[in-house]
């Protein structure tokens, strides 16, 4: 099939699928499981499924993975595009004392500058040679604020549950957690496409290290030198000690028994600064990996991933309770570390039991399937990040020494 033919078929398929989604949304929910709030309805009726999945499948088959593929007009039909321009975080307005108006002004400037910079420099960086495009779901445990996942840590379903179990639900009076004061209320799902840079892929990896973030600023590992060495590639981490990718949170190996648990990181622009300082030259000099809306991931230094929010579930619904406040007022508790059980609630019982953890994973996937039955089942990617390949001088986080020996070893293998 010619490129033009594939493009026309892609356009027709996408438009037809979008019309089906919109028709279903107009008809309204058919069961309690499908009932959504106004915000959730936007995520469902404007779902990018009929757009993105056939777009990438046909695009790959026809060799159309280029910066010229224009699918922006399809994505404009949905509200998901707004997420990328909303980078205000609860910490930005609560802990730093910045107003919502300031956050919105900053987000508009952030989006304009990063999109312009990506467009200006897309041809100056090498595009990944042979690196595959990966597509899968990422999840985020979130409060009721909406903001971009860039310069944030994400997870698969198992990883999100481990985060909730290990850091959130054992706090008695507030489902806020160890490092967050704002109560967590939901688990968000994002459809993500990623592609490694040539600098990373030549060493046999599609994923880099998981970078950690503090209010949007990269806080590790080390001094975040990897962002300069490999570019803003998506990071992954597991807790399987035999895979060599249990870094930088190796302290949980043997404690996290959620099968297949993964954490991710999405490096964004200006990651050397916290949210309120991510302006001006910083945005220009430190491009992130988020591609412009509608752009196929190139594996360049300015375009390594795309994301679209495609749904969410409420944590209280997952636990089968009416509300967290109601549980507490009735003398209940989500989970106690000491008892390894809850009170009047037993969803989180037995944190070290593999079968119990798998049951919780299955419950999350089932809830999403019931709420969004048209969304396909996507397998988690293989986390091929390797500490030894990634860091030539580990346990140091530097890349200056042994570069020639490292490249020679790669060619010999």
Protein backbone atom coordinates (compact mmCIF):
# COMPACT_ATOMS: atom_id res chain seq x y z
CA UNK A 1 0.00 0.00 0.00
CA UNK A 2 1.31 3.49 -0.85
CA UNK A 3 1.88 6.07 1.84
CA UNK A 4 -1.03 8.14 0.54
CA UNK A 5 -3.31 5.09 0.46
CA UNK A 6 -2.40 4.13 4.01
CA UNK A 7 -2.92 7.70 5.12
CA UNK A 8 -6.43 7.83 3.57
CA UNK A 9 -7.38 4.47 5.08
CA UNK A 10 -6.03 5.63 8.40
CA UNK A 11 -8.07 8.82 8.22
CA UNK A 12 -11.29 6.98 7.33
CA UNK A 13 -10.80 4.36 10.06
CA UNK A 14 -10.04 6.97 12.68
CA UNK A 15 -13.02 9.15 11.79
CA UNK A 16 -15.41 6.17 11.75
CA UNK A 17 -14.16 4.96 15.12
CA UNK A 18 -14.47 8.42 16.61
CA UNK A 19 -18.09 8.67 15.41
CA UNK A 20 -18.88 5.35 17.13
CA UNK A 21 -17.38 6.58 20.41
CA UNK A 22 -19.32 9.85 20.19
CA UNK A 23 -22.58 8.01 19.39
CA UNK A 24 -22.14 5.76 22.42
CA UNK A 25 -21.43 8.78 24.60
CA UNK A 26 -24.62 10.49 23.37
CA UNK A 27 -26.65 7.38 24.20
CA UNK A 28 -25.46 7.64 27.81
CA UNK A 29 -24.19 5.01 30.28
CA UNK A 30 -25.75 1.56 30.13
CA UNK A 31 -24.85 0.42 33.63
CA UNK A 32 -23.50 1.65 36.95
CA UNK A 33 -20.05 0.52 35.90
CA UNK A 34 -20.20 2.83 32.88
CA UNK A 35 -21.53 5.84 34.77
CA UNK A 36 -19.10 8.74 34.72
CA UNK A 37 -18.80 12.26 36.03
CA UNK A 38 -18.69 15.13 33.47
CA UNK A 39 -14.90 15.06 33.44
CA UNK A 40 -14.84 11.29 33.07
CA UNK A 41 -17.37 11.53 30.26
CA UNK A 42 -14.99 13.75 28.35
CA UNK A 43 -12.25 11.17 28.74
CA UNK A 44 -14.56 8.44 27.44
CA UNK A 45 -16.44 10.15 24.61
CA UNK A 46 -13.30 11.76 23.23
CA UNK A 47 -11.26 8.63 23.59
CA UNK A 48 -8.25 8.46 21.24
CA UNK A 49 -8.60 4.70 20.80
CA UNK A 50 -10.11 4.86 17.37
CA UNK A 51 -7.46 7.43 16.48
CA UNK A 52 -4.16 6.43 17.98
CA UNK A 53 -4.16 2.64 17.77
CA UNK A 54 -4.96 2.35 14.05
CA UNK A 55 -2.80 5.41 13.43
CA UNK A 56 0.32 3.76 14.75
CA UNK A 57 -0.48 0.30 13.40
CA UNK A 58 -1.03 1.55 9.86
CA UNK A 59 1.72 4.12 10.14
CA UNK A 60 4.29 1.51 11.06
CA UNK A 61 3.14 -0.87 8.31
CA UNK A 62 3.37 1.83 5.65
CA UNK A 63 6.63 3.30 6.84
CA UNK A 64 5.00 6.58 7.73
CA UNK A 65 6.85 7.28 10.98
CA UNK A 66 7.96 10.81 10.22
CA UNK A 67 7.64 14.26 11.70
CA UNK A 68 5.32 15.22 8.83
CA UNK A 69 2.45 12.90 9.83
CA UNK A 70 -0.39 15.32 10.61
CA UNK A 71 -2.98 13.79 12.89
CA UNK A 72 -3.50 16.87 15.04
CA UNK A 73 -6.91 17.62 13.55
CA UNK A 74 -8.22 14.26 14.80
CA UNK A 75 -6.90 14.73 18.28
CA UNK A 76 -8.37 18.24 18.42
CA UNK A 77 -11.82 16.64 18.59
CA UNK A 78 -11.02 15.43 22.11
CA UNK A 79 -10.48 17.17 25.39
CA UNK A 80 -7.41 15.05 26.17
CA UNK A 81 -5.17 17.53 24.35
CA UNK A 82 -5.77 20.01 27.15
CA UNK A 83 -3.89 17.86 29.64
CA UNK A 84 -0.53 18.66 28.08
CA UNK A 85 -1.09 22.41 28.48
CA UNK A 86 -2.11 22.09 32.13
CA UNK A 87 1.08 21.64 34.11
CA UNK A 88 -0.02 23.17 37.39
CA UNK A 89 0.49 20.78 40.29
CA UNK A 90 -1.20 20.79 43.71
CA UNK A 91 2.19 21.42 45.29
CA UNK A 92 2.59 24.45 43.05
CA UNK A 93 -0.51 26.12 44.40
CA UNK A 94 -0.58 24.73 47.96
CA UNK A 95 3.02 24.53 49.16
CA UNK A 96 4.56 27.30 47.06
CA UNK A 97 1.60 29.63 47.53
CA UNK A 98 1.19 30.34 43.83
CA UNK A 99 -2.26 31.19 42.52
CA UNK A 100 -4.19 29.08 40.04
CA UNK A 101 -4.05 32.00 37.60
CA UNK A 102 -0.25 32.06 37.77
CA UNK A 103 -0.14 28.30 37.21
CA UNK A 104 -2.36 28.58 34.14
CA UNK A 105 -0.25 31.40 32.70
CA UNK A 106 2.89 29.36 33.29
CA UNK A 107 1.33 26.31 31.60
CA UNK A 108 0.44 28.25 28.47
CA UNK A 109 3.96 29.67 28.25
CA UNK A 110 5.46 26.24 28.94
CA UNK A 111 3.38 24.57 26.19
CA UNK A 112 4.06 27.32 23.64
CA UNK A 113 7.81 27.36 24.20
CA UNK A 114 8.31 23.60 24.28
CA UNK A 115 6.21 22.99 21.16
CA UNK A 116 8.06 25.77 19.32
CA UNK A 117 11.43 24.45 20.45
CA UNK A 118 10.58 20.90 19.40
CA UNK A 119 9.51 22.09 15.97
CA UNK A 120 12.63 24.21 15.47
CA UNK A 121 15.08 21.53 16.53
CA UNK A 122 13.43 18.29 15.38
CA UNK A 123 15.73 18.09 12.35
CA UNK A 124 18.91 18.84 14.32
CA UNK A 125 18.83 15.65 16.38
CA UNK A 126 19.31 12.12 15.04
CA UNK A 127 16.19 9.97 14.92
CA UNK A 128 16.38 6.49 16.42
CA UNK A 129 17.59 3.96 13.86
CA UNK A 130 15.62 0.78 14.34
CA UNK A 131 14.24 1.57 17.80
CA UNK A 132 10.69 0.22 17.98
CA UNK A 133 7.68 2.21 19.04
CA UNK A 134 6.23 0.80 22.26
CA UNK A 135 2.59 1.34 23.19
CA UNK A 136 1.08 0.48 26.55
CA UNK A 137 -0.78 1.90 29.54
CA UNK A 138 0.69 3.94 32.34
CA UNK A 139 -1.18 4.61 35.56
CA UNK A 140 -0.93 7.42 38.08
CA UNK A 141 -2.27 7.58 41.63
CA UNK A 142 -3.72 11.05 41.82
CA UNK A 143 -5.75 13.50 43.89
CA UNK A 144 -8.57 15.55 42.37
CA UNK A 145 -6.21 18.01 40.66
CA UNK A 146 -5.58 17.66 36.93
CA UNK A 147 -2.11 18.32 35.55
CA UNK A 148 0.41 16.91 33.12
CA UNK A 149 2.37 13.73 33.89
CA UNK A 150 5.56 15.28 32.50
CA UNK A 151 8.41 15.41 35.03
CA UNK A 152 6.43 12.89 37.06
CA UNK A 153 6.68 9.24 38.05
CA UNK A 154 4.14 6.76 36.67
CA UNK A 155 3.49 3.02 37.00
CA UNK A 156 1.77 -0.01 35.58
CA UNK A 157 -1.30 -1.25 37.46
CA UNK A 158 0.79 -3.39 39.82
CA UNK A 159 3.24 -0.56 40.46
CA UNK A 160 0.43 1.87 41.23
CA UNK A 161 -1.03 -0.56 43.76
CA UNK A 162 2.36 -1.04 45.40
CA UNK A 163 2.68 2.73 45.73
CA UNK A 164 -0.75 2.96 47.32
CA UNK A 165 -0.09 0.01 49.62
CA UNK A 166 3.42 0.97 50.68
CA UNK A 167 3.09 4.74 50.97
CA UNK A 168 -0.55 5.80 51.11
CA UNK A 169 -3.34 3.70 52.57
CA UNK A 170 -1.72 2.89 55.93
CA UNK A 171 -2.02 6.55 56.99
CA UNK A 172 -5.06 6.43 59.20
CA UNK A 173 -6.72 9.83 59.03
CA UNK A 174 -5.73 10.99 55.57
CA UNK A 175 -5.22 9.07 52.35
CA UNK A 176 -2.40 11.48 51.62
CA UNK A 177 0.69 9.39 52.09
CA UNK A 178 4.25 9.64 53.23
CA UNK A 179 5.31 12.45 50.92
CA UNK A 180 1.98 13.99 49.89
CA UNK A 181 -0.50 15.89 52.05
CA UNK A 182 -3.27 16.08 49.44
CA UNK A 183 -5.58 13.04 49.65
CA UNK A 184 -5.37 10.54 46.79
CA UNK A 185 -8.73 9.81 45.26
CA UNK A 186 -8.27 8.01 41.92
CA UNK A 187 -6.10 5.94 39.62
CA UNK A 188 -5.66 7.49 36.18
CA UNK A 189 -4.90 5.55 33.01
CA UNK A 190 -2.82 6.99 30.16
CA UNK A 191 -2.22 5.57 26.71
CA UNK A 192 1.49 6.03 26.06
CA UNK A 193 3.69 5.57 22.99
CA UNK A 194 7.46 5.65 23.46
CA UNK A 195 10.60 5.41 21.34
CA UNK A 196 14.21 5.38 22.54
CA UNK A 197 16.85 7.80 21.33
CA UNK A 198 19.77 6.45 19.23
CA UNK A 199 22.06 7.25 22.15
CA UNK A 200 20.17 4.74 24.28
CA UNK A 201 19.05 2.17 21.73
CA UNK A 202 22.56 1.48 20.43
CA UNK A 203 23.24 -0.17 23.79
CA UNK A 204 20.23 -2.45 23.42
CA UNK A 205 17.73 -0.61 25.62
CA UNK A 206 14.33 0.91 24.96
CA UNK A 207 14.07 2.33 28.49
CA UNK A 208 16.43 4.29 30.68
CA UNK A 209 16.68 4.69 34.42
CA UNK A 210 13.69 5.92 36.42
CA UNK A 211 14.39 9.53 37.28
CA UNK A 212 12.82 10.83 40.47
CA UNK A 213 11.19 14.25 40.75
CA UNK A 214 10.53 16.80 43.47
CA UNK A 215 7.89 19.35 42.42
CA UNK A 216 8.90 18.88 38.79
CA UNK A 217 12.66 19.03 39.41
CA UNK A 218 14.75 15.95 38.68
CA UNK A 219 16.19 14.81 42.01
CA UNK A 220 17.99 11.63 40.98
CA UNK A 221 19.53 9.22 40.52
CA UNK A 222 22.82 11.00 41.11
CA UNK A 223 22.74 14.44 39.44
CA UNK A 224 20.41 13.35 36.62
CA UNK A 225 23.37 13.24 34.24
CA UNK A 226 21.58 10.59 32.21
CA UNK A 227 19.26 13.20 30.70
CA UNK A 228 22.23 14.80 28.97
CA UNK A 229 23.86 11.50 28.03
CA UNK A 230 20.86 9.67 26.57
CA UNK A 231 18.25 12.40 26.25
CA UNK A 232 14.80 12.56 27.90
CA UNK A 233 14.00 8.87 27.46
CA UNK A 234 11.23 7.12 29.37
CA UNK A 235 12.59 5.27 32.40
CA UNK A 236 11.45 1.98 33.92
CA UNK A 237 12.20 -0.05 37.03
CA UNK A 238 11.13 -3.41 38.42
CA UNK A 239 11.83 -5.27 41.64
CA UNK A 240 12.99 -8.54 40.15
CA UNK A 241 16.58 -8.84 41.37
CA UNK A 242 17.52 -11.19 38.52
CA UNK A 243 16.77 -8.65 35.79
CA UNK A 244 19.32 -6.00 36.74
CA UNK A 245 16.80 -3.16 36.57
CA UNK A 246 15.88 -2.76 40.24
CA UNK A 247 17.29 0.76 40.55
CA UNK A 248 17.02 3.34 42.08
CA UNK A 249 14.55 1.81 44.58
CA UNK A 250 16.30 -1.47 45.21
CA UNK A 251 15.43 -1.33 48.90
CA UNK A 252 12.05 -2.86 48.03
CA UNK A 253 13.38 -6.00 46.40
CA UNK A 254 11.83 -8.90 48.32
CA UNK A 255 9.27 -6.57 49.93
CA UNK A 256 7.26 -5.65 46.86
CA UNK A 257 5.61 -8.91 45.80
CA UNK A 258 3.11 -7.39 43.37
CA UNK A 259 3.70 -9.55 40.27
CA UNK A 260 5.27 -7.60 37.41
CA UNK A 261 5.23 -4.26 39.23
CA UNK A 262 6.86 -1.44 37.25
CA UNK A 263 7.52 2.23 37.78
CA UNK A 264 8.17 4.69 34.98
CA UNK A 265 9.38 8.26 34.59
CA UNK A 266 8.42 10.79 31.93
CA UNK A 267 11.21 13.40 31.62
CA UNK A 268 9.79 16.79 30.74
CA UNK A 269 11.25 20.15 29.80
CA UNK A 270 13.29 22.25 32.23
CA UNK A 271 13.72 19.40 34.71
CA UNK A 272 16.57 21.20 36.53
CA UNK A 273 14.00 23.56 38.05
CA UNK A 274 10.85 23.23 40.11
CA UNK A 275 7.50 23.95 38.51
CA UNK A 276 7.36 27.67 39.22
CA UNK A 277 10.86 28.26 37.75
CA UNK A 278 10.28 26.34 34.53
CA UNK A 279 10.22 29.36 32.25
CA UNK A 280 12.21 31.22 29.62
CA UNK A 281 15.69 29.99 28.69
CA UNK A 282 15.30 26.87 30.82
CA UNK A 283 12.50 25.58 28.61
CA UNK A 284 14.55 26.37 25.52
CA UNK A 285 17.80 24.84 26.75
CA UNK A 286 16.35 21.73 28.41
CA UNK A 287 13.77 20.19 26.06
CA UNK A 288 11.66 17.36 27.39
CA UNK A 289 10.65 14.12 25.74
CA UNK A 290 6.93 14.88 25.25
CA UNK A 291 6.15 15.12 21.54
CA UNK A 292 3.82 17.83 20.21
CA UNK A 293 0.16 16.72 20.08
CA UNK A 294 -0.45 14.33 17.19
CA UNK A 295 3.24 13.64 16.64
CA UNK A 296 4.53 10.11 16.25
CA UNK A 297 7.44 9.52 18.70
CA UNK A 298 10.66 10.07 16.77
CA UNK A 299 13.23 8.98 19.33
CA UNK A 300 14.80 12.42 19.03
CA UNK A 301 16.05 14.63 21.83
CA UNK A 302 12.73 16.47 21.82
CA UNK A 303 10.24 13.68 21.09
CA UNK A 304 10.48 10.31 22.85
CA UNK A 305 6.89 9.78 24.03
CA UNK A 306 3.26 10.79 23.65
CA UNK A 307 0.51 10.40 26.22
CA UNK A 308 -3.25 10.76 26.38
CA UNK A 309 -5.42 10.27 29.43
CA UNK A 310 -8.02 7.65 28.58
CA UNK A 311 -9.78 7.01 31.87
CA UNK A 312 -9.75 6.76 35.65
CA UNK A 313 -11.30 4.86 38.52
CA UNK A 314 -11.98 6.03 42.06
CA UNK A 315 -10.01 4.38 44.83
CA UNK A 316 -13.11 4.19 47.03
CA UNK A 317 -14.94 2.32 44.26
CA UNK A 318 -12.03 -0.10 44.03
CA UNK A 319 -12.30 -0.68 47.77
CA UNK A 320 -16.10 -0.98 47.48
CA UNK A 321 -16.79 1.77 50.01
CA UNK A 322 -18.98 4.86 49.65
CA UNK A 323 -16.25 7.25 50.81
CA UNK A 324 -13.02 7.41 52.78
CA UNK A 325 -14.58 9.88 55.19
CA UNK A 326 -17.49 7.54 55.83
CA UNK A 327 -15.15 4.64 56.51
CA UNK A 328 -13.19 6.61 59.09
CA UNK A 329 -16.28 8.06 60.78
CA UNK A 330 -17.61 4.52 61.22
CA UNK A 331 -14.43 3.46 63.00
CA UNK A 332 -12.88 1.80 59.97
CA UNK A 333 -9.41 1.91 58.51
CA UNK A 334 -8.06 1.08 55.06
CA UNK A 335 -4.93 -0.70 56.23
CA UNK A 336 -2.70 -1.09 59.28
CA UNK A 337 0.94 -2.11 58.82
CA UNK A 338 0.99 -3.65 62.28
CA UNK A 339 -2.09 -5.81 61.71
CA UNK A 340 -1.44 -6.27 57.99
CA UNK A 341 -5.18 -5.76 57.60
CA UNK A 342 -7.87 -3.13 57.55
CA UNK A 343 -10.84 -2.48 59.80
CA UNK A 344 -14.28 -2.77 58.19
CA UNK A 345 -12.35 -2.98 54.92
CA UNK A 346 -10.20 -5.89 53.75
CA UNK A 347 -9.14 -4.99 50.22
CA UNK A 348 -5.56 -4.27 51.38
CA UNK A 349 -5.09 -7.24 53.70
CA UNK A 350 -1.93 -9.37 53.30
CA UNK A 351 0.61 -7.11 51.64
CA UNK A 352 3.19 -9.94 51.41
CA UNK A 353 0.82 -12.49 49.86
CA UNK A 354 1.42 -12.83 46.10
CA UNK A 355 -2.08 -14.19 45.43
CA UNK A 356 -3.69 -11.33 47.34
CA UNK A 357 -1.59 -8.81 45.42
CA UNK A 358 -2.52 -10.42 42.11
CA UNK A 359 -6.19 -10.27 43.11
CA UNK A 360 -5.85 -6.51 43.64
CA UNK A 361 -4.20 -6.12 40.22
CA UNK A 362 -7.03 -8.09 38.62
CA UNK A 363 -9.56 -5.88 40.38
CA UNK A 364 -8.02 -2.73 38.92
CA UNK A 365 -7.93 -4.13 35.39
CA UNK A 366 -11.50 -5.40 35.73
CA UNK A 367 -12.75 -2.02 36.93
CA UNK A 368 -11.22 -0.27 33.95
CA UNK A 369 -12.62 -2.88 31.59
CA UNK A 370 -16.11 -2.52 33.02
CA UNK A 371 -15.96 1.25 32.80
CA UNK A 372 -14.26 1.46 29.38
CA UNK A 373 -15.16 -1.76 27.56
CA UNK A 374 -13.97 -0.48 24.17
CA UNK A 375 -10.39 -0.01 25.35
CA UNK A 376 -8.14 -2.88 24.27
CA UNK A 377 -6.07 -4.96 26.63
CA UNK A 378 -2.42 -3.93 26.28
CA UNK A 379 0.48 -5.87 27.72
CA UNK A 380 3.09 -4.17 29.84
CA UNK A 381 6.38 -3.70 28.01
CA UNK A 382 9.54 -5.57 28.94
CA UNK A 383 11.58 -3.27 31.15
CA UNK A 384 14.94 -3.71 29.43
CA UNK A 385 16.75 -1.03 31.41
CA UNK A 386 20.06 -2.48 32.62
CA UNK A 387 22.16 -0.85 35.30
CA UNK A 388 25.38 -2.29 33.86
CA UNK A 389 24.68 -1.17 30.30
CA UNK A 390 23.29 2.20 31.28
CA UNK A 391 25.91 3.27 33.83
CA UNK A 392 29.46 2.43 32.63
CA UNK A 393 30.98 3.51 35.96
CA UNK A 394 28.31 2.23 38.35
CA UNK A 395 27.96 2.74 41.31
CA UNK A 396 28.97 6.18 40.10
CA UNK A 397 26.51 8.02 37.91
CA UNK A 398 29.09 9.46 35.53
CA UNK A 399 29.60 8.73 31.85
CA UNK A 400 32.93 10.38 31.04
CA UNK A 401 35.32 7.48 31.60
CA UNK A 402 35.50 4.18 29.71
CA UNK A 403 33.44 5.58 26.85
CA UNK A 404 35.72 4.18 24.11
CA UNK A 405 35.96 0.77 25.82
CA UNK A 406 32.19 0.71 26.22
CA UNK A 407 31.53 1.42 22.56
CA UNK A 408 34.15 -1.15 21.49
CA UNK A 409 32.58 -3.78 23.73
CA UNK A 410 29.17 -3.07 22.19
CA UNK A 411 30.47 -3.55 18.64
CA UNK A 412 32.21 -6.81 19.61
CA UNK A 413 29.02 -8.20 21.06
